[in-house]
Amino acid sequence: MSRLINQREKLLLFNQKYRGKLSRKWLVQGDRNTKFFQLQARLHRYRKNILQLKDECGIWINDNQLISDKFVAYFSYRFTSSLSNLREVPPLGFPKVISDMDNQTLIKPPTLKEIRTALFSIDSNKTPGPDGFGAGFFKTYWHILKVIFLIVWLNSFAMVNY
């Protein structure tokens, strides 16, 4: 058996020499060359490191903590909204259709009974949602998941009343 493996490797090496691909070490030795791949990973990791950074005044910074602080400050500045206060939509003259009491009812989180009723009204063989779980999964494991739904419901109810 080992003689066949050796012959196979000789043929592969001959084919690679014949085609001129011997110069690429990873083509010849593949995953067996762990030293080569470890070196490549180390070089890649080293190249990703930022050892120096020039600040806005043109001064080079070498300290890792100062470099990280500069990054945090820069991206905090970049992703902060220029609008400090929330804008309100000006009244457009439309009549008020929903009363404040109806609005409070509409924005209140659904009860556990409402969630169960909605879930069990869905066909179990419907296409799964973006999380990959269909209604059948939730129906099967309702005895476990209802506790999680209850915790989420209580937390959302607390946030609404906060």
N, C-alpha and C. Protein backbone atom coordinates (compact mmCIF):
# COMPACT_ATOMS: atom_id res chain seq x y z
N MET A 1 0.82 -1.19 0.00
CA MET A 1 0.00 0.00 0.00
C MET A 1 0.87 1.26 0.00
N SER A 2 1.91 1.27 0.83
CA SER A 2 2.78 2.46 0.87
C SER A 2 3.52 2.64 -0.44
N ARG A 3 3.81 1.51 -1.15
CA ARG A 3 4.48 1.60 -2.44
C ARG A 3 3.58 2.33 -3.45
N LEU A 4 2.26 2.06 -3.40
CA LEU A 4 1.33 2.73 -4.30
C LEU A 4 1.23 4.22 -3.99
N ILE A 5 1.24 4.54 -2.69
CA ILE A 5 1.19 5.96 -2.30
C ILE A 5 2.43 6.68 -2.77
N ASN A 6 3.60 6.05 -2.61
CA ASN A 6 4.84 6.66 -3.07
C ASN A 6 4.83 6.87 -4.58
N GLN A 7 4.32 5.87 -5.32
CA GLN A 7 4.25 6.01 -6.77
C GLN A 7 3.30 7.14 -7.16
N ARG A 8 2.19 7.23 -6.46
CA ARG A 8 1.23 8.30 -6.74
C ARG A 8 1.85 9.67 -6.51
N GLU A 9 2.59 9.80 -5.40
CA GLU A 9 3.23 11.08 -5.11
C GLU A 9 4.30 11.42 -6.12
N LYS A 10 5.04 10.41 -6.59
CA LYS A 10 6.05 10.65 -7.62
C LYS A 10 5.40 11.12 -8.92
N LEU A 11 4.27 10.49 -9.27
CA LEU A 11 3.56 10.91 -10.48
C LEU A 11 3.03 12.33 -10.34
N LEU A 12 2.48 12.65 -9.17
CA LEU A 12 1.99 14.01 -8.95
C LEU A 12 3.12 15.02 -9.04
N LEU A 13 4.26 14.69 -8.45
CA LEU A 13 5.42 15.59 -8.50
C LEU A 13 5.91 15.74 -9.93
N PHE A 14 5.93 14.66 -10.67
CA PHE A 14 6.36 14.72 -12.07
C PHE A 14 5.41 15.61 -12.87
N ASN A 15 4.08 15.44 -12.67
CA ASN A 15 3.11 16.27 -13.39
C ASN A 15 3.27 17.74 -13.04
N GLN A 16 3.54 18.03 -11.77
CA GLN A 16 3.69 19.41 -11.36
C GLN A 16 4.98 20.02 -11.93
N LYS A 17 6.04 19.23 -11.97
CA LYS A 17 7.28 19.72 -12.59
C LYS A 17 7.06 19.94 -14.07
N TYR A 18 6.35 19.00 -14.67
CA TYR A 18 6.11 19.08 -16.10
C TYR A 18 5.30 20.32 -16.45
N ARG A 19 4.37 20.67 -15.65
CA ARG A 19 3.52 21.82 -15.92
C ARG A 19 4.11 23.13 -15.38
N GLY A 20 5.23 23.05 -14.72
CA GLY A 20 5.91 24.26 -14.27
C GLY A 20 5.32 24.89 -13.03
N LYS A 21 4.65 24.10 -12.20
CA LYS A 21 4.03 24.65 -11.01
C LYS A 21 4.82 24.33 -9.75
N LEU A 22 6.03 23.88 -9.90
CA LEU A 22 6.84 23.53 -8.74
C LEU A 22 7.22 24.76 -7.92
N SER A 23 7.24 25.92 -8.56
CA SER A 23 7.65 27.13 -7.85
C SER A 23 6.68 27.50 -6.73
N ARG A 24 5.44 27.09 -6.84
CA ARG A 24 4.48 27.37 -5.77
C ARG A 24 4.49 26.21 -4.79
N LYS A 25 5.05 26.48 -3.64
CA LYS A 25 5.26 25.43 -2.65
C LYS A 25 3.96 24.80 -2.18
N TRP A 26 2.93 25.61 -2.04
CA TRP A 26 1.67 25.08 -1.50
C TRP A 26 0.96 24.18 -2.50
N LEU A 27 1.24 24.35 -3.81
CA LEU A 27 0.64 23.44 -4.79
C LEU A 27 1.26 22.05 -4.70
N VAL A 28 2.55 22.01 -4.37
CA VAL A 28 3.26 20.74 -4.34
C VAL A 28 2.96 19.99 -3.05
N GLN A 29 3.08 20.69 -1.93
CA GLN A 29 3.00 19.99 -0.65
C GLN A 29 1.64 20.11 0.02
N GLY A 30 0.82 21.03 -0.43
CA GLY A 30 -0.54 21.13 0.11
C GLY A 30 -0.57 21.41 1.60
N ASP A 31 -1.52 20.80 2.30
CA ASP A 31 -1.70 21.03 3.73
C ASP A 31 -0.62 20.36 4.57
N ARG A 32 0.18 19.50 3.95
CA ARG A 32 1.23 18.83 4.73
C ARG A 32 2.32 19.81 5.16
N ASN A 33 2.42 20.92 4.47
CA ASN A 33 3.47 21.89 4.77
C ASN A 33 2.97 22.86 5.84
N THR A 34 2.83 22.40 7.06
CA THR A 34 2.26 23.25 8.11
C THR A 34 3.17 24.41 8.46
N LYS A 35 4.47 24.22 8.37
CA LYS A 35 5.40 25.31 8.67
C LYS A 35 5.18 26.48 7.71
N PHE A 36 4.97 26.15 6.44
CA PHE A 36 4.72 27.17 5.43
C PHE A 36 3.44 27.94 5.75
N PHE A 37 2.35 27.22 6.07
CA PHE A 37 1.08 27.88 6.35
C PHE A 37 1.14 28.68 7.65
N GLN A 38 1.85 28.17 8.64
CA GLN A 38 1.99 28.92 9.89
C GLN A 38 2.75 30.22 9.65
N LEU A 39 3.78 30.16 8.81
CA LEU A 39 4.53 31.37 8.48
C LEU A 39 3.64 32.38 7.76
N GLN A 40 2.82 31.88 6.82
CA GLN A 40 1.92 32.77 6.09
C GLN A 40 0.92 33.44 7.05
N ALA A 41 0.39 32.66 7.99
CA ALA A 41 -0.56 33.22 8.96
C ALA A 41 0.12 34.26 9.85
N ARG A 42 1.33 33.97 10.28
CA ARG A 42 2.07 34.92 11.12
C ARG A 42 2.33 36.22 10.37
N LEU A 43 2.74 36.10 9.10
CA LEU A 43 2.99 37.30 8.30
C LEU A 43 1.71 38.10 8.09
N HIS A 44 0.62 37.40 7.84
CA HIS A 44 -0.65 38.08 7.64
C HIS A 44 -1.06 38.83 8.91
N ARG A 45 -0.91 38.19 10.06
CA ARG A 45 -1.25 38.81 11.34
C ARG A 45 -0.34 40.02 11.60
N TYR A 46 0.94 39.90 11.25
CA TYR A 46 1.88 41.00 11.48
C TYR A 46 1.54 42.18 10.59
N ARG A 47 1.16 41.89 9.33
CA ARG A 47 0.83 42.98 8.40
C ARG A 47 -0.44 43.71 8.80
N LYS A 48 -1.34 43.06 9.51
CA LYS A 48 -2.58 43.69 9.92
C LYS A 48 -2.38 44.63 11.11
N ASN A 49 -1.31 44.46 11.85
CA ASN A 49 -1.07 45.31 13.03
C ASN A 49 -0.73 46.73 12.61
N ILE A 50 -1.19 47.68 13.39
CA ILE A 50 -0.84 49.07 13.17
C ILE A 50 0.15 49.45 14.26
N LEU A 51 1.38 49.65 13.85
CA LEU A 51 2.45 49.92 14.81
C LEU A 51 2.64 51.41 15.05
N GLN A 52 2.36 52.22 14.03
CA GLN A 52 2.49 53.67 14.15
C GLN A 52 1.29 54.32 13.49
N LEU A 53 0.98 55.52 13.98
CA LEU A 53 -0.13 56.27 13.40
C LEU A 53 0.22 57.74 13.44
N LYS A 54 -0.02 58.42 12.34
CA LYS A 54 0.26 59.86 12.29
C LYS A 54 -1.02 60.59 12.65
N ASP A 55 -0.98 61.44 13.68
CA ASP A 55 -2.19 62.15 14.09
C ASP A 55 -2.42 63.36 13.20
N GLU A 56 -3.46 64.13 13.51
CA GLU A 56 -3.83 65.27 12.66
C GLU A 56 -2.78 66.37 12.64
N CYS A 57 -1.87 66.40 13.62
CA CYS A 57 -0.80 67.40 13.65
C CYS A 57 0.45 66.93 12.91
N GLY A 58 0.45 65.69 12.45
CA GLY A 58 1.60 65.15 11.74
C GLY A 58 2.61 64.48 12.65
N ILE A 59 2.26 64.21 13.90
CA ILE A 59 3.17 63.57 14.86
C ILE A 59 2.90 62.07 14.86
N TRP A 60 3.98 61.29 14.81
CA TRP A 60 3.84 59.83 14.84
C TRP A 60 3.57 59.36 16.25
N ILE A 61 2.58 58.49 16.40
CA ILE A 61 2.22 57.91 17.70
C ILE A 61 2.63 56.45 17.68
N ASN A 62 3.38 56.01 18.70
CA ASN A 62 3.85 54.63 18.77
C ASN A 62 3.16 53.83 19.87
N ASP A 63 2.57 54.50 20.84
CA ASP A 63 1.96 53.82 21.98
C ASP A 63 0.65 53.15 21.58
N ASN A 64 0.50 51.86 21.88
CA ASN A 64 -0.70 51.11 21.49
C ASN A 64 -1.97 51.71 22.07
N GLN A 65 -1.93 52.14 23.31
CA GLN A 65 -3.11 52.71 23.95
C GLN A 65 -3.53 54.01 23.27
N LEU A 66 -2.55 54.86 22.94
CA LEU A 66 -2.86 56.11 22.27
C LEU A 66 -3.42 55.87 20.87
N ILE A 67 -2.88 54.85 20.18
CA ILE A 67 -3.38 54.50 18.85
C ILE A 67 -4.84 54.06 18.94
N SER A 68 -5.13 53.19 19.91
CA SER A 68 -6.52 52.73 20.04
C SER A 68 -7.45 53.87 20.44
N ASP A 69 -6.98 54.78 21.29
CA ASP A 69 -7.79 55.93 21.67
C ASP A 69 -8.09 56.82 20.46
N LYS A 70 -7.09 57.00 19.58
CA LYS A 70 -7.29 57.80 18.37
C LYS A 70 -8.33 57.16 17.46
N PHE A 71 -8.27 55.82 17.32
CA PHE A 71 -9.25 55.13 16.49
C PHE A 71 -10.65 55.31 17.06
N VAL A 72 -10.80 55.13 18.35
CA VAL A 72 -12.12 55.25 18.98
C VAL A 72 -12.64 56.68 18.83
N ALA A 73 -11.78 57.66 19.04
CA ALA A 73 -12.21 59.05 18.92
C ALA A 73 -12.61 59.38 17.49
N TYR A 74 -11.83 58.88 16.52
CA TYR A 74 -12.12 59.17 15.11
C TYR A 74 -13.45 58.56 14.69
N PHE A 75 -13.66 57.28 15.00
CA PHE A 75 -14.89 56.64 14.57
C PHE A 75 -16.09 57.12 15.37
N SER A 76 -15.89 57.52 16.61
CA SER A 76 -16.99 58.12 17.37
C SER A 76 -17.42 59.43 16.73
N TYR A 77 -16.44 60.20 16.27
CA TYR A 77 -16.74 61.46 15.59
C TYR A 77 -17.44 61.20 14.26
N ARG A 78 -16.96 60.21 13.51
CA ARG A 78 -17.51 59.91 12.18
C ARG A 78 -18.96 59.43 12.25
N PHE A 79 -19.29 58.67 13.28
CA PHE A 79 -20.61 58.06 13.34
C PHE A 79 -21.53 58.72 14.36
N THR A 80 -21.26 59.97 14.69
CA THR A 80 -22.14 60.73 15.57
C THR A 80 -23.01 61.62 14.70
N SER A 81 -24.28 61.65 15.02
CA SER A 81 -25.21 62.46 14.23
C SER A 81 -24.98 63.93 14.50
N SER A 82 -25.13 64.73 13.46
CA SER A 82 -25.00 66.18 13.64
C SER A 82 -26.26 66.76 14.27
N LEU A 83 -27.34 65.99 14.24
CA LEU A 83 -28.58 66.45 14.86
C LEU A 83 -28.61 65.99 16.31
N SER A 84 -28.47 66.92 17.22
CA SER A 84 -28.39 66.53 18.63
C SER A 84 -29.77 66.26 19.23
N ASN A 85 -30.80 66.97 18.78
CA ASN A 85 -32.12 66.76 19.35
C ASN A 85 -33.03 66.10 18.31
N LEU A 86 -34.05 65.44 18.80
CA LEU A 86 -34.99 64.79 17.90
C LEU A 86 -35.88 65.82 17.23
N ARG A 87 -36.12 65.61 15.96
CA ARG A 87 -37.00 66.52 15.25
C ARG A 87 -38.43 66.04 15.39
N GLU A 88 -39.33 66.99 15.41
CA GLU A 88 -40.74 66.66 15.41
C GLU A 88 -41.31 67.02 14.05
N VAL A 89 -42.22 66.18 13.61
CA VAL A 89 -42.87 66.45 12.34
C VAL A 89 -43.85 67.60 12.55
N PRO A 90 -43.76 68.60 11.72
CA PRO A 90 -44.68 69.73 11.90
C PRO A 90 -46.11 69.29 11.59
N PRO A 91 -47.06 69.90 12.23
CA PRO A 91 -48.46 69.53 11.96
C PRO A 91 -48.80 69.86 10.51
N LEU A 92 -49.33 68.87 9.81
CA LEU A 92 -49.64 69.05 8.40
C LEU A 92 -51.10 69.33 8.14
N GLY A 93 -51.88 69.42 9.20
CA GLY A 93 -53.28 69.73 9.04
C GLY A 93 -54.16 68.51 8.81
N PHE A 94 -53.61 67.32 8.94
CA PHE A 94 -54.42 66.10 8.79
C PHE A 94 -55.24 65.90 10.05
N PRO A 95 -56.44 65.39 9.91
CA PRO A 95 -57.25 65.14 11.10
C PRO A 95 -56.70 63.98 11.91
N LYS A 96 -56.83 64.06 13.21
CA LYS A 96 -56.37 63.01 14.11
C LYS A 96 -57.37 61.87 14.09
N VAL A 97 -56.95 60.71 13.55
CA VAL A 97 -57.86 59.60 13.37
C VAL A 97 -57.81 58.66 14.57
N ILE A 98 -56.62 58.44 15.12
CA ILE A 98 -56.44 57.52 16.25
C ILE A 98 -56.32 58.33 17.53
N SER A 99 -57.11 57.97 18.50
CA SER A 99 -57.06 58.68 19.79
C SER A 99 -55.82 58.22 20.57
N ASP A 100 -55.47 58.97 21.59
CA ASP A 100 -54.32 58.61 22.42
C ASP A 100 -54.53 57.26 23.11
N MET A 101 -55.77 56.99 23.50
CA MET A 101 -56.07 55.72 24.16
C MET A 101 -55.90 54.55 23.19
N ASP A 102 -56.38 54.73 21.94
CA ASP A 102 -56.20 53.69 20.93
C ASP A 102 -54.72 53.50 20.61
N ASN A 103 -53.99 54.58 20.58
CA ASN A 103 -52.55 54.51 20.29
C ASN A 103 -51.83 53.71 21.37
N GLN A 104 -52.17 53.94 22.64
CA GLN A 104 -51.56 53.18 23.74
C GLN A 104 -51.87 51.70 23.61
N THR A 105 -53.09 51.37 23.19
CA THR A 105 -53.47 49.97 22.99
C THR A 105 -52.68 49.35 21.84
N LEU A 106 -52.47 50.12 20.78
CA LEU A 106 -51.77 49.60 19.60
C LEU A 106 -50.27 49.37 19.86
N ILE A 107 -49.64 50.23 20.65
CA ILE A 107 -48.20 50.09 20.86
C ILE A 107 -47.85 49.18 22.03
N LYS A 108 -48.83 48.73 22.77
CA LYS A 108 -48.57 47.84 23.89
C LYS A 108 -48.12 46.48 23.36
N PRO A 109 -47.16 45.81 24.01
CA PRO A 109 -46.68 44.50 23.54
C PRO A 109 -47.80 43.47 23.58
N PRO A 110 -47.79 42.50 22.65
CA PRO A 110 -48.84 41.48 22.66
C PRO A 110 -48.72 40.57 23.88
N THR A 111 -49.83 40.04 24.32
CA THR A 111 -49.82 39.13 25.46
C THR A 111 -49.35 37.76 24.99
N LEU A 112 -49.01 36.90 25.96
CA LEU A 112 -48.57 35.55 25.66
C LEU A 112 -49.68 34.77 24.96
N LYS A 113 -50.91 35.02 25.34
CA LYS A 113 -52.05 34.34 24.72
C LYS A 113 -52.19 34.76 23.26
N GLU A 114 -51.99 36.06 22.97
CA GLU A 114 -52.06 36.54 21.60
C GLU A 114 -50.94 35.95 20.74
N ILE A 115 -49.75 35.83 21.32
CA ILE A 115 -48.63 35.23 20.59
C ILE A 115 -48.95 33.78 20.26
N ARG A 116 -49.45 33.04 21.25
CA ARG A 116 -49.77 31.63 21.03
C ARG A 116 -50.87 31.48 19.98
N THR A 117 -51.90 32.30 20.04
CA THR A 117 -52.99 32.23 19.07
C THR A 117 -52.48 32.50 17.66
N ALA A 118 -51.63 33.53 17.51
CA ALA A 118 -51.09 33.85 16.19
C ALA A 118 -50.19 32.73 15.68
N LEU A 119 -49.37 32.18 16.56
CA LEU A 119 -48.44 31.12 16.16
C LEU A 119 -49.18 29.87 15.73
N PHE A 120 -50.16 29.46 16.50
CA PHE A 120 -50.86 28.22 16.18
C PHE A 120 -51.85 28.38 15.04
N SER A 121 -52.07 29.61 14.56
CA SER A 121 -52.91 29.81 13.39
C SER A 121 -52.11 29.66 12.09
N ILE A 122 -50.79 29.60 12.20
CA ILE A 122 -49.92 29.46 11.02
C ILE A 122 -49.75 27.98 10.72
N ASP A 123 -49.76 27.62 9.43
CA ASP A 123 -49.54 26.25 9.01
C ASP A 123 -48.10 25.85 9.35
N SER A 124 -47.92 24.65 9.89
CA SER A 124 -46.59 24.20 10.32
C SER A 124 -45.62 24.01 9.17
N ASN A 125 -46.12 23.84 7.97
CA ASN A 125 -45.24 23.59 6.82
C ASN A 125 -44.92 24.84 6.02
N LYS A 126 -45.23 25.99 6.56
CA LYS A 126 -44.90 27.24 5.87
C LYS A 126 -43.39 27.42 5.80
N THR A 127 -42.96 28.25 4.89
CA THR A 127 -41.53 28.52 4.71
C THR A 127 -40.96 29.14 5.98
N PRO A 128 -39.75 28.69 6.39
CA PRO A 128 -39.14 29.26 7.59
C PRO A 128 -38.83 30.74 7.42
N GLY A 129 -38.71 31.41 8.54
CA GLY A 129 -38.37 32.82 8.53
C GLY A 129 -36.89 33.03 8.30
N PRO A 130 -36.40 34.27 8.44
CA PRO A 130 -34.99 34.56 8.20
C PRO A 130 -34.05 33.86 9.19
N ASP A 131 -34.58 33.44 10.34
CA ASP A 131 -33.75 32.73 11.30
C ASP A 131 -33.65 31.25 10.99
N GLY A 132 -34.40 30.75 9.98
CA GLY A 132 -34.34 29.35 9.59
C GLY A 132 -35.33 28.47 10.31
N PHE A 133 -36.09 29.00 11.23
CA PHE A 133 -37.06 28.22 11.97
C PHE A 133 -38.46 28.53 11.48
N GLY A 134 -39.22 27.48 11.18
CA GLY A 134 -40.59 27.65 10.75
C GLY A 134 -41.55 27.58 11.92
N ALA A 135 -42.84 27.74 11.61
CA ALA A 135 -43.86 27.72 12.65
C ALA A 135 -43.93 26.36 13.33
N GLY A 136 -43.64 25.29 12.58
CA GLY A 136 -43.66 23.94 13.15
C GLY A 136 -42.69 23.78 14.31
N PHE A 137 -41.51 24.40 14.18
CA PHE A 137 -40.52 24.34 15.25
C PHE A 137 -41.06 25.01 16.52
N PHE A 138 -41.64 26.20 16.34
CA PHE A 138 -42.15 26.93 17.50
C PHE A 138 -43.34 26.23 18.13
N LYS A 139 -44.16 25.59 17.30
CA LYS A 139 -45.30 24.84 17.84
C LYS A 139 -44.83 23.62 18.62
N THR A 140 -43.83 22.92 18.08
CA THR A 140 -43.32 21.71 18.74
C THR A 140 -42.70 22.04 20.09
N TYR A 141 -41.96 23.12 20.15
CA TYR A 141 -41.23 23.47 21.37
C TYR A 141 -41.87 24.62 22.13
N TRP A 142 -43.18 24.82 21.96
CA TRP A 142 -43.88 25.90 22.63
C TRP A 142 -43.75 25.81 24.14
N HIS A 143 -43.76 24.58 24.69
CA HIS A 143 -43.67 24.42 26.15
C HIS A 143 -42.35 24.97 26.70
N ILE A 144 -41.31 25.02 25.88
CA ILE A 144 -40.02 25.59 26.30
C ILE A 144 -39.96 27.07 25.94
N LEU A 145 -40.38 27.38 24.71
CA LEU A 145 -40.23 28.75 24.20
C LEU A 145 -41.18 29.75 24.84
N LYS A 146 -42.30 29.29 25.40
CA LYS A 146 -43.24 30.25 25.98
C LYS A 146 -42.62 30.97 27.18
N VAL A 147 -41.69 30.31 27.86
CA VAL A 147 -40.99 30.97 28.98
C VAL A 147 -40.13 32.11 28.46
N ILE A 148 -39.45 31.86 27.34
CA ILE A 148 -38.61 32.90 26.74
C ILE A 148 -39.49 34.05 26.24
N PHE A 149 -40.60 33.71 25.58
CA PHE A 149 -41.52 34.75 25.13
C PHE A 149 -42.05 35.56 26.31
N LEU A 150 -42.33 34.89 27.41
CA LEU A 150 -42.83 35.59 28.60
C LEU A 150 -41.79 36.56 29.14
N ILE A 151 -40.53 36.13 29.19
CA ILE A 151 -39.45 37.01 29.68
C ILE A 151 -39.31 38.22 28.76
N VAL A 152 -39.32 37.98 27.44
CA VAL A 152 -39.21 39.09 26.48
C VAL A 152 -40.40 40.02 26.62
N TRP A 153 -41.59 39.44 26.79
CA TRP A 153 -42.79 40.25 26.93
C TRP A 153 -42.71 41.12 28.17
N LEU A 154 -42.26 40.54 29.28
CA LEU A 154 -42.15 41.32 30.52
C LEU A 154 -41.14 42.44 30.38
N ASN A 155 -40.01 42.14 29.73
CA ASN A 155 -39.00 43.18 29.53
C ASN A 155 -39.52 44.28 28.63
N SER A 156 -40.22 43.93 27.55
CA SER A 156 -40.74 44.97 26.65
C SER A 156 -41.85 45.76 27.34
N PHE A 157 -42.64 45.11 28.19
CA PHE A 157 -43.68 45.81 28.93
C PHE A 157 -43.06 46.79 29.90
N ALA A 158 -41.95 46.37 30.53
CA ALA A 158 -41.26 47.25 31.46
C ALA A 158 -40.67 48.44 30.74
N MET A 159 -40.17 48.23 29.48
CA MET A 159 -39.59 49.33 28.71
C MET A 159 -40.68 50.34 28.29
N VAL A 160 -41.87 49.83 27.94
CA VAL A 160 -42.96 50.72 27.53
C VAL A 160 -43.40 51.57 28.72
N ASN A 161 -43.48 50.96 29.89
CA ASN A 161 -43.96 51.68 31.07
C ASN A 161 -42.86 52.49 31.75
N TYR A 162 -41.63 52.34 31.27
CA TYR A 162 -40.51 53.07 31.86
C TYR A 162 -40.60 54.49 31.42
